PDB file of all heavy atoms in Angstrom:
ATOM      1  N   VAL A   1     132.831  95.678  79.801  1.00  0.00           N
ATOM      2  CA  VAL A   1     132.979  95.781  81.254  1.00  0.00           C
ATOM      3  C   VAL A   1     133.689  94.530  81.745  1.00  0.00           C
ATOM      4  O   VAL A   1     133.644  93.481  81.094  1.00  0.00           O
ATOM      5  CB  VAL A   1     131.615  95.939  81.954  1.00  0.00           C
ATOM      6  CG1 VAL A   1     130.886  97.174  81.447  1.00  0.00           C
ATOM      7  CG2 VAL A   1     130.748  94.717  81.767  1.00  0.00           C
ATOM      8  N   PRO A   2     134.368  94.621  82.899  1.00  0.00           N
ATOM      9  CA  PRO A   2     135.084  93.449  83.400  1.00  0.00           C
ATOM     10  C   PRO A   2     134.124  92.335  83.810  1.00  0.00           C
ATOM     11  O   PRO A   2     132.983  92.573  84.209  1.00  0.00           O
ATOM     12  CB  PRO A   2     135.828  94.000  84.630  1.00  0.00           C
ATOM     13  CG  PRO A   2     135.808  95.479  84.494  1.00  0.00           C
ATOM     14  CD  PRO A   2     134.571  95.811  83.736  1.00  0.00           C
ATOM     15  N   GLY A   3     134.614  91.119  83.710  1.00  0.00           N
ATOM     16  CA  GLY A   3     133.853  89.988  84.214  1.00  0.00           C
ATOM     17  C   GLY A   3     133.190  89.176  83.121  1.00  0.00           C
ATOM     18  O   GLY A   3     133.203  89.534  81.935  1.00  0.00           O
ATOM     19  N   GLU A   4     132.615  88.068  83.545  1.00  0.00           N
ATOM     20  CA  GLU A   4     131.907  87.139  82.663  1.00  0.00           C
ATOM     21  C   GLU A   4     130.522  86.936  83.266  1.00  0.00           C
ATOM     22  O   GLU A   4     130.382  86.786  84.475  1.00  0.00           O
ATOM     23  CB  GLU A   4     132.678  85.822  82.591  1.00  0.00           C
ATOM     24  CG  GLU A   4     132.279  84.919  81.465  1.00  0.00           C
ATOM     25  CD  GLU A   4     133.215  83.730  81.336  1.00  0.00           C
ATOM     26  OE1 GLU A   4     133.319  82.952  82.309  1.00  0.00           O
ATOM     27  OE2 GLU A   4     133.837  83.573  80.275  1.00  0.00           O
ATOM     28  N   PHE A   5     129.498  86.897  82.415  1.00  0.00           N
ATOM     29  CA  PHE A   5     128.124  86.954  82.894  1.00  0.00           C
ATOM     30  C   PHE A   5     127.326  85.737  82.425  1.00  0.00           C
ATOM     31  O   PHE A   5     127.539  85.215  81.338  1.00  0.00           O
ATOM     32  CB  PHE A   5     127.459  88.241  82.404  1.00  0.00           C
ATOM     33  CG  PHE A   5     128.134  89.488  82.911  1.00  0.00           C
ATOM     34  CD1 PHE A   5     129.202  90.039  82.213  1.00  0.00           C
ATOM     35  CD2 PHE A   5     127.732  90.077  84.096  1.00  0.00           C
ATOM     36  CE1 PHE A   5     129.848  91.182  82.687  1.00  0.00           C
ATOM     37  CE2 PHE A   5     128.372  91.211  84.579  1.00  0.00           C
ATOM     38  CZ  PHE A   5     129.435  91.761  83.873  1.00  0.00           C
ATOM     39  N   GLY A   6     126.390  85.336  83.275  1.00  0.00           N
ATOM     40  CA  GLY A   6     125.467  84.276  82.900  1.00  0.00           C
ATOM     41  C   GLY A   6     124.272  84.792  82.133  1.00  0.00           C
ATOM     42  O   GLY A   6     123.592  84.034  81.440  1.00  0.00           O
ATOM     43  N   LEU A   7     123.995  86.114  82.259  1.00  0.00           N
ATOM     44  CA  LEU A   7     122.855  86.729  81.595  1.00  0.00           C
ATOM     45  C   LEU A   7     123.214  88.152  81.192  1.00  0.00           C
ATOM     46  O   LEU A   7     123.738  88.922  82.003  1.00  0.00           O
ATOM     47  CB  LEU A   7     121.640  86.759  82.532  1.00  0.00           C
ATOM     48  CG  LEU A   7     120.403  87.512  82.039  1.00  0.00           C
ATOM     49  CD1 LEU A   7     119.772  86.804  80.837  1.00  0.00           C
ATOM     50  CD2 LEU A   7     119.363  87.670  83.162  1.00  0.00           C
ATOM     51  N   VAL A   8     122.958  88.485  79.933  1.00  0.00           N
ATOM     52  CA  VAL A   8     122.981  89.866  79.446  1.00  0.00           C
ATOM     53  C   VAL A   8     121.576  90.164  78.952  1.00  0.00           C
ATOM     54  O   VAL A   8     120.965  89.329  78.276  1.00  0.00           O
ATOM     55  CB  VAL A   8     124.008  90.062  78.317  1.00  0.00           C
ATOM     56  CG1 VAL A   8     123.984  91.500  77.816  1.00  0.00           C
ATOM     57  CG2 VAL A   8     125.417  89.688  78.791  1.00  0.00           C
ATOM     58  N   TYR A   9     121.033  91.333  79.289  1.00  0.00           N
ATOM     59  CA  TYR A   9     119.657  91.625  78.886  1.00  0.00           C
ATOM     60  C   TYR A   9     119.488  93.075  78.459  1.00  0.00           C
ATOM     61  O   TYR A   9     120.242  93.963  78.882  1.00  0.00           O
ATOM     62  CB  TYR A   9     118.670  91.261  79.996  1.00  0.00           C
ATOM     63  CG  TYR A   9     118.804  92.058  81.284  1.00  0.00           C
ATOM     64  CD1 TYR A   9     118.025  93.183  81.517  1.00  0.00           C
ATOM     65  CD2 TYR A   9     119.688  91.659  82.282  1.00  0.00           C
ATOM     66  CE1 TYR A   9     118.126  93.904  82.698  1.00  0.00           C
ATOM     67  CE2 TYR A   9     119.795  92.366  83.473  1.00  0.00           C
ATOM     68  CZ  TYR A   9     119.022  93.483  83.673  1.00  0.00           C
ATOM     69  OH  TYR A   9     119.126  94.200  84.845  1.00  0.00           O
ATOM     70  N   LEU A  10     118.487  93.282  77.616  1.00  0.00           N
ATOM     71  CA  LEU A  10     118.212  94.574  77.002  1.00  0.00           C
ATOM     72  C   LEU A  10     116.699  94.684  76.861  1.00  0.00           C
ATOM     73  O   LEU A  10     116.088  93.948  76.095  1.00  0.00           O
ATOM     74  CB  LEU A  10     118.890  94.636  75.628  1.00  0.00           C
ATOM     75  CG  LEU A  10     118.745  95.876  74.782  1.00  0.00           C
ATOM     76  CD1 LEU A  10     119.267  97.098  75.513  1.00  0.00           C
ATOM     77  CD2 LEU A  10     119.510  95.699  73.472  1.00  0.00           C
ATOM     78  N   VAL A  11     116.071  95.589  77.625  1.00  0.00           N
ATOM     79  CA  VAL A  11     114.609  95.601  77.724  1.00  0.00           C
ATOM     80  C   VAL A  11     113.998  96.849  77.088  1.00  0.00           C
ATOM     81  O   VAL A  11     114.693  97.811  76.748  1.00  0.00           O
ATOM     82  CB  VAL A  11     114.160  95.486  79.200  1.00  0.00           C
ATOM     83  CG1 VAL A  11     114.607  94.164  79.791  1.00  0.00           C
ATOM     84  CG2 VAL A  11     114.694  96.648  80.035  1.00  0.00           C
ATOM     85  N   PHE A  12     112.653  96.797  76.933  1.00  0.00           N
ATOM     86  CA  PHE A  12     111.818  97.943  76.574  1.00  0.00           C
ATOM     87  C   PHE A  12     112.252  98.620  75.266  1.00  0.00           C
ATOM     88  O   PHE A  12     112.507  99.828  75.239  1.00  0.00           O
ATOM     89  CB  PHE A  12     111.791  98.950  77.727  1.00  0.00           C
ATOM     90  CG  PHE A  12     110.729 100.013  77.595  1.00  0.00           C
ATOM     91  CD1 PHE A  12     109.532  99.740  76.966  1.00  0.00           C
ATOM     92  CD2 PHE A  12     110.933 101.286  78.093  1.00  0.00           C
ATOM     93  CE1 PHE A  12     108.558 100.712  76.818  1.00  0.00           C
ATOM     94  CE2 PHE A  12     109.956 102.280  77.967  1.00  0.00           C
ATOM     95  CZ  PHE A  12     108.777 101.982  77.327  1.00  0.00           C
ATOM     96  N   ASN A  13     112.374  97.832  74.186  1.00  0.00           N
ATOM     97  CA  ASN A  13     112.589  98.366  72.838  1.00  0.00           C
ATOM     98  C   ASN A  13     113.938  99.041  72.625  1.00  0.00           C
ATOM     99  O   ASN A  13     114.152  99.676  71.580  1.00  0.00           O
ATOM    100  CB  ASN A  13     111.483  99.377  72.464  1.00  0.00           C
ATOM    101  CG  ASN A  13     110.101  98.772  72.463  1.00  0.00           C
ATOM    102  OD1 ASN A  13     109.928  97.618  72.094  1.00  0.00           O
ATOM    103  ND2 ASN A  13     109.110  99.539  72.892  1.00  0.00           N
ATOM    104  N   THR A  14     114.861  98.904  73.573  1.00  0.00           N
ATOM    105  CA  THR A  14     116.088  99.692  73.507  1.00  0.00           C
ATOM    106  C   THR A  14     117.006  99.250  72.382  1.00  0.00           C
ATOM    107  O   THR A  14     117.855 100.038  71.932  1.00  0.00           O
ATOM    108  CB  THR A  14     116.817  99.655  74.863  1.00  0.00           C
ATOM    109  OG1 THR A  14     115.876  99.927  75.902  1.00  0.00           O
ATOM    110  CG2 THR A  14     117.902 100.697  74.932  1.00  0.00           C
ATOM    111  N   ILE A  15     116.870  98.025  71.880  1.00  0.00           N
ATOM    112  CA  ILE A  15     117.664  97.615  70.721  1.00  0.00           C
ATOM    113  C   ILE A  15     117.403  98.546  69.544  1.00  0.00           C
ATOM    114  O   ILE A  15     118.287  98.794  68.716  1.00  0.00           O
ATOM    115  CB  ILE A  15     117.366  96.142  70.341  1.00  0.00           C
ATOM    116  CG1 ILE A  15     118.319  95.652  69.245  1.00  0.00           C
ATOM    117  CG2 ILE A  15     115.912  95.959  69.914  1.00  0.00           C
ATOM    118  CD1 ILE A  15     119.738  95.489  69.677  1.00  0.00           C
ATOM    119  N   GLY A  16     116.199  99.136  69.471  1.00  0.00           N
ATOM    120  CA  GLY A  16     115.855 100.045  68.384  1.00  0.00           C
ATOM    121  C   GLY A  16     116.554 101.379  68.463  1.00  0.00           C
ATOM    122  O   GLY A  16     116.582 102.127  67.473  1.00  0.00           O
ATOM    123  N   ASN A  17     117.119 101.726  69.639  1.00  0.00           N
ATOM    124  CA  ASN A  17     117.882 102.972  69.741  1.00  0.00           C
ATOM    125  C   ASN A  17     119.171 102.927  68.922  1.00  0.00           C
ATOM    126  O   ASN A  17     119.772 103.974  68.657  1.00  0.00           O
ATOM    127  CB  ASN A  17     118.229 103.278  71.207  1.00  0.00           C
ATOM    128  CG  ASN A  17     117.015 103.607  72.045  1.00  0.00           C
ATOM    129  OD1 ASN A  17     116.859 103.105  73.145  1.00  0.00           O
ATOM    130  ND2 ASN A  17     116.128 104.443  71.530  1.00  0.00           N
ATOM    131  N   LEU A  18     119.592 101.721  68.570  1.00  0.00           N
ATOM    132  CA  LEU A  18     120.698 101.565  67.626  1.00  0.00           C
ATOM    133  C   LEU A  18     120.088 101.615  66.233  1.00  0.00           C
ATOM    134  O   LEU A  18     119.350 100.723  65.832  1.00  0.00           O
ATOM    135  CB  LEU A  18     121.418 100.243  67.867  1.00  0.00           C
ATOM    136  CG  LEU A  18     122.007 100.086  69.270  1.00  0.00           C
ATOM    137  CD1 LEU A  18     122.514  98.664  69.489  1.00  0.00           C
ATOM    138  CD2 LEU A  18     123.123 101.097  69.518  1.00  0.00           C
ATOM    139  N   THR A  19     120.367 102.660  65.486  1.00  0.00           N
ATOM    140  CA  THR A  19     119.560 102.995  64.317  1.00  0.00           C
ATOM    141  C   THR A  19     120.140 102.472  63.000  1.00  0.00           C
ATOM    142  O   THR A  19     119.687 102.876  61.926  1.00  0.00           O
ATOM    143  CB  THR A  19     119.355 104.519  64.227  1.00  0.00           C
ATOM    144  OG1 THR A  19     120.637 105.163  64.243  1.00  0.00           O
ATOM    145  CG2 THR A  19     118.520 105.013  65.392  1.00  0.00           C
ATOM    146  N   THR A  20     121.128 101.562  63.067  1.00  0.00           N
ATOM    147  CA  THR A  20     121.595 100.875  61.867  1.00  0.00           C
ATOM    148  C   THR A  20     121.654  99.381  62.154  1.00  0.00           C
ATOM    149  O   THR A  20     121.800  98.953  63.301  1.00  0.00           O
ATOM    150  CB  THR A  20     122.989 101.345  61.431  1.00  0.00           C
ATOM    151  OG1 THR A  20     123.965 100.930  62.388  1.00  0.00           O
ATOM    152  CG2 THR A  20     123.025 102.865  61.251  1.00  0.00           C
ATOM    153  N   GLN A  21     121.542  98.600  61.093  1.00  0.00           N
ATOM    154  CA  GLN A  21     121.650  97.153  61.258  1.00  0.00           C
ATOM    155  C   GLN A  21     123.028  96.774  61.781  1.00  0.00           C
ATOM    156  O   GLN A  21     123.167  95.888  62.633  1.00  0.00           O
ATOM    157  CB  GLN A  21     121.362  96.456  59.935  1.00  0.00           C
ATOM    158  CG  GLN A  21     121.287  94.939  60.037  1.00  0.00           C
ATOM    159  CD  GLN A  21     121.031  94.290  58.699  1.00  0.00           C
ATOM    160  OE1 GLN A  21     121.902  94.326  57.815  1.00  0.00           O
ATOM    161  NE2 GLN A  21     119.848  93.727  58.526  1.00  0.00           N
ATOM    162  N   ASP A  22     124.075  97.432  61.280  1.00  0.00           N
ATOM    163  CA  ASP A  22     125.436  97.129  61.733  1.00  0.00           C
ATOM    164  C   ASP A  22     125.575  97.335  63.235  1.00  0.00           C
ATOM    165  O   ASP A  22     126.203  96.525  63.930  1.00  0.00           O
ATOM    166  CB  ASP A  22     126.453  98.007  61.002  1.00  0.00           C
ATOM    167  CG  ASP A  22     126.705  97.554  59.573  1.00  0.00           C
ATOM    168  OD1 ASP A  22     126.312  96.418  59.238  1.00  0.00           O
ATOM    169  OD2 ASP A  22     127.292  98.340  58.802  1.00  0.00           O
ATOM    170  N   ALA A  23     125.000  98.424  63.750  1.00  0.00           N
ATOM    171  CA  ALA A  23     125.098  98.695  65.186  1.00  0.00           C
ATOM    172  C   ALA A  23     124.348  97.636  65.984  1.00  0.00           C
ATOM    173  O   ALA A  23     124.806  97.208  67.054  1.00  0.00           O
ATOM    174  CB  ALA A  23     124.554 100.080  65.500  1.00  0.00           C
ATOM    175  N   GLN A  24     123.204  97.204  65.495  1.00  0.00           N
ATOM    176  CA  GLN A  24     122.450  96.167  66.198  1.00  0.00           C
ATOM    177  C   GLN A  24     123.215  94.842  66.201  1.00  0.00           C
ATOM    178  O   GLN A  24     123.246  94.135  67.212  1.00  0.00           O
ATOM    179  CB  GLN A  24     121.064  96.017  65.569  1.00  0.00           C
ATOM    180  CG  GLN A  24     120.173  97.226  65.826  1.00  0.00           C
ATOM    181  CD  GLN A  24     118.836  97.164  65.097  1.00  0.00           C
ATOM    182  OE1 GLN A  24     118.653  96.369  64.167  1.00  0.00           O
ATOM    183  NE2 GLN A  24     117.906  98.018  65.503  1.00  0.00           N
ATOM    184  N   VAL A  25     123.859  94.503  65.082  1.00  0.00           N
ATOM    185  CA  VAL A  25     124.686  93.297  65.046  1.00  0.00           C
ATOM    186  C   VAL A  25     125.842  93.411  66.035  1.00  0.00           C
ATOM    187  O   VAL A  25     126.148  92.458  66.769  1.00  0.00           O
ATOM    188  CB  VAL A  25     125.210  93.040  63.618  1.00  0.00           C
ATOM    189  CG1 VAL A  25     126.274  91.938  63.618  1.00  0.00           C
ATOM    190  CG2 VAL A  25     124.068  92.659  62.687  1.00  0.00           C
ATOM    191  N   ARG A  26     126.478  94.570  66.087  1.00  0.00           N
ATOM    192  CA  ARG A  26     127.587  94.758  67.038  1.00  0.00           C
ATOM    193  C   ARG A  26     127.103  94.615  68.475  1.00  0.00           C
ATOM    194  O   ARG A  26     127.836  94.125  69.340  1.00  0.00           O
ATOM    195  CB  ARG A  26     128.239  96.129  66.838  1.00  0.00           C
ATOM    196  CG  ARG A  26     129.066  96.253  65.582  1.00  0.00           C
ATOM    197  CD  ARG A  26     130.024  97.437  65.640  1.00  0.00           C
ATOM    198  NE  ARG A  26     129.348  98.690  65.923  1.00  0.00           N
ATOM    199  CZ  ARG A  26     128.826  99.488  64.997  1.00  0.00           C
ATOM    200  NH1 ARG A  26     128.882  99.135  63.719  1.00  0.00           N
ATOM    201  NH2 ARG A  26     128.256 100.629  65.326  1.00  0.00           N
ATOM    202  N   CYS A  27     125.866  95.035  68.747  1.00  0.00           N
ATOM    203  CA  CYS A  27     125.312  94.883  70.090  1.00  0.00           C
ATOM    204  C   CYS A  27     125.196  93.406  70.448  1.00  0.00           C
ATOM    205  O   CYS A  27     125.539  92.997  71.564  1.00  0.00           O
ATOM    206  CB  CYS A  27     123.954  95.576  70.165  1.00  0.00           C
ATOM    207  SG  CYS A  27     123.182  95.516  71.794  1.00  0.00           S
ATOM    208  N   PHE A  28     124.703  92.598  69.522  1.00  0.00           N
ATOM    209  CA  PHE A  28     124.635  91.154  69.766  1.00  0.00           C
ATOM    210  C   PHE A  28     126.029  90.572  69.981  1.00  0.00           C
ATOM    211  O   PHE A  28     126.239  89.738  70.875  1.00  0.00           O
ATOM    212  CB  PHE A  28     123.939  90.457  68.594  1.00  0.00           C
ATOM    213  CG  PHE A  28     122.444  90.359  68.749  1.00  0.00           C
ATOM    214  CD1 PHE A  28     121.639  91.479  68.607  1.00  0.00           C
ATOM    215  CD2 PHE A  28     121.840  89.147  69.038  1.00  0.00           C
ATOM    216  CE1 PHE A  28     120.259  91.399  68.748  1.00  0.00           C
ATOM    217  CE2 PHE A  28     120.461  89.046  69.184  1.00  0.00           C
ATOM    218  CZ  PHE A  28     119.671  90.173  69.039  1.00  0.00           C
ATOM    219  N   GLU A  29     126.983  91.010  69.181  1.00  0.00           N
ATOM    220  CA  GLU A  29     128.344  90.503  69.328  1.00  0.00           C
ATOM    221  C   GLU A  29     128.943  90.934  70.666  1.00  0.00           C
ATOM    222  O   GLU A  29     129.655  90.158  71.317  1.00  0.00           O
ATOM    223  CB  GLU A  29     129.204  90.996  68.166  1.00  0.00           C
ATOM    224  CG  GLU A  29     128.818  90.379  66.833  1.00  0.00           C
ATOM    225  CD  GLU A  29     129.563  90.982  65.658  1.00  0.00           C
ATOM    226  OE1 GLU A  29     129.906  92.188  65.715  1.00  0.00           O
ATOM    227  OE2 GLU A  29     129.786  90.257  64.675  1.00  0.00           O
ATOM    228  N   ASN A  30     128.651  92.156  71.090  1.00  0.00           N
ATOM    229  CA  ASN A  30     129.158  92.628  72.379  1.00  0.00           C
ATOM    230  C   ASN A  30     128.526  91.859  73.530  1.00  0.00           C
ATOM    231  O   ASN A  30     129.191  91.509  74.505  1.00  0.00           O
ATOM    232  CB  ASN A  30     128.885  94.130  72.526  1.00  0.00           C
ATOM    233  CG  ASN A  30     129.719  94.768  73.622  1.00  0.00           C
ATOM    234  OD1 ASN A  30     130.850  94.367  73.882  1.00  0.00           O
ATOM    235  ND2 ASN A  30     129.158  95.775  74.271  1.00  0.00           N
ATOM    236  N   ALA A  31     127.214  91.589  73.412  1.00  0.00           N
ATOM    237  CA  ALA A  31     126.550  90.780  74.442  1.00  0.00           C
ATOM    238  C   ALA A  31     127.197  89.410  74.537  1.00  0.00           C
ATOM    239  O   ALA A  31     127.504  88.919  75.629  1.00  0.00           O
ATOM    240  CB  ALA A  31     125.059  90.654  74.127  1.00  0.00           C
ATOM    241  N   ALA A  32     127.423  88.768  73.391  1.00  0.00           N
ATOM    242  CA  ALA A  32     128.010  87.431  73.384  1.00  0.00           C
ATOM    243  C   ALA A  32     129.417  87.442  73.968  1.00  0.00           C
ATOM    244  O   ALA A  32     129.818  86.487  74.657  1.00  0.00           O
ATOM    245  CB  ALA A  32     128.027  86.875  71.960  1.00  0.00           C
ATOM    246  N   ALA A  33     130.165  88.516  73.709  1.00  0.00           N
ATOM    247  CA  ALA A  33     131.530  88.604  74.233  1.00  0.00           C
ATOM    248  C   ALA A  33     131.559  88.671  75.757  1.00  0.00           C
ATOM    249  O   ALA A  33     132.548  88.284  76.381  1.00  0.00           O
ATOM    250  CB  ALA A  33     132.232  89.826  73.647  1.00  0.00           C
ATOM    251  N   HIS A  34     130.477  89.152  76.366  1.00  0.00           N
ATOM    252  CA  HIS A  34     130.399  89.238  77.826  1.00  0.00           C
ATOM    253  C   HIS A  34     129.889  87.943  78.467  1.00  0.00           C
ATOM    254  O   HIS A  34     129.954  87.804  79.695  1.00  0.00           O
ATOM    255  CB  HIS A  34     129.472  90.382  78.249  1.00  0.00           C
ATOM    256  CG  HIS A  34     130.073  91.744  78.106  1.00  0.00           C
ATOM    257  ND1 HIS A  34     129.942  92.502  76.960  1.00  0.00           N
ATOM    258  CD2 HIS A  34     130.827  92.489  78.954  1.00  0.00           C
ATOM    259  CE1 HIS A  34     130.568  93.658  77.126  1.00  0.00           C
ATOM    260  NE2 HIS A  34     131.109  93.677  78.323  1.00  0.00           N
ATOM    261  N   LEU A  35     129.334  87.034  77.684  1.00  0.00           N
ATOM    262  CA  LEU A  35     128.685  85.848  78.240  1.00  0.00           C
ATOM    263  C   LEU A  35     129.664  84.712  78.468  1.00  0.00           C
ATOM    264  O   LEU A  35     130.546  84.444  77.643  1.00  0.00           O
ATOM    265  CB  LEU A  35     127.583  85.357  77.300  1.00  0.00           C
ATOM    266  CG  LEU A  35     126.295  86.178  77.251  1.00  0.00           C
ATOM    267  CD1 LEU A  35     125.390  85.661  76.138  1.00  0.00           C
ATOM    268  CD2 LEU A  35     125.563  86.143  78.595  1.00  0.00           C
ATOM    269  N   ALA A  36     129.472  84.008  79.576  1.00  0.00           N
ATOM    270  CA  ALA A  36     130.134  82.730  79.780  1.00  0.00           C
ATOM    271  C   ALA A  36     129.544  81.717  78.809  1.00  0.00           C
ATOM    272  O   ALA A  36     128.419  81.892  78.322  1.00  0.00           O
ATOM    273  CB  ALA A  36     129.944  82.270  81.223  1.00  0.00           C
ATOM    274  N   PRO A  37     130.275  80.629  78.493  1.00  0.00           N
ATOM    275  CA  PRO A  37     129.691  79.577  77.659  1.00  0.00           C
ATOM    276  C   PRO A  37     128.364  79.100  78.249  1.00  0.00           C
ATOM    277  O   PRO A  37     128.261  78.850  79.449  1.00  0.00           O
ATOM    278  CB  PRO A  37     130.756  78.480  77.685  1.00  0.00           C
ATOM    279  CG  PRO A  37     132.043  79.209  77.931  1.00  0.00           C
ATOM    280  CD  PRO A  37     131.680  80.348  78.850  1.00  0.00           C
ATOM    281  N   GLY A  38     127.351  79.015  77.403  1.00  0.00           N
ATOM    282  CA  GLY A  38     126.024  78.630  77.873  1.00  0.00           C
ATOM    283  C   GLY A  38     125.223  79.778  78.436  1.00  0.00           C
ATOM    284  O   GLY A  38     124.058  79.594  78.814  1.00  0.00           O
ATOM    285  N   GLY A  39     125.800  80.992  78.500  1.00  0.00           N
ATOM    286  CA  GLY A  39     125.095  82.157  79.015  1.00  0.00           C
ATOM    287  C   GLY A  39     123.990  82.611  78.076  1.00  0.00           C
ATOM    288  O   GLY A  39     123.931  82.220  76.905  1.00  0.00           O
ATOM    289  N   LEU A  40     123.100  83.471  78.589  1.00  0.00           N
ATOM    290  CA  LEU A  40     121.884  83.848  77.881  1.00  0.00           C
ATOM    291  C   LEU A  40     121.847  85.342  77.587  1.00  0.00           C
ATOM    292  O   LEU A  40     122.255  86.163  78.411  1.00  0.00           O
ATOM    293  CB  LEU A  40     120.657  83.474  78.725  1.00  0.00           C
ATOM    294  CG  LEU A  40     120.575  82.024  79.216  1.00  0.00           C
ATOM    295  CD1 LEU A  40     119.345  81.841  80.096  1.00  0.00           C
ATOM    296  CD2 LEU A  40     120.554  81.054  78.046  1.00  0.00           C
ATOM    297  N   PHE A  41     121.323  85.668  76.412  1.00  0.00           N
ATOM    298  CA  PHE A  41     121.076  87.054  76.030  1.00  0.00           C
ATOM    299  C   PHE A  41     119.580  87.222  75.803  1.00  0.00           C
ATOM    300  O   PHE A  41     118.976  86.485  75.025  1.00  0.00           O
ATOM    301  CB  PHE A  41     121.840  87.406  74.758  1.00  0.00           C
ATOM    302  CG  PHE A  41     121.668  88.832  74.287  1.00  0.00           C
ATOM    303  CD1 PHE A  41     121.624  89.888  75.183  1.00  0.00           C
ATOM    304  CD2 PHE A  41     121.573  89.119  72.926  1.00  0.00           C
ATOM    305  CE1 PHE A  41     121.480  91.203  74.756  1.00  0.00           C
ATOM    306  CE2 PHE A  41     121.429  90.425  72.480  1.00  0.00           C
ATOM    307  CZ  PHE A  41     121.388  91.473  73.396  1.00  0.00           C
TER     308      PHE A  41
END
């Protein structure tokens, strides 16, 4: 999505909806790509 964020968050066990380790790693990488330096996931 457009923009740079100070916080990316994922609540209520939803990381488990990604049912492979590779997909979960990509989720972390996607979160980091949206964060400004020093931003939080």
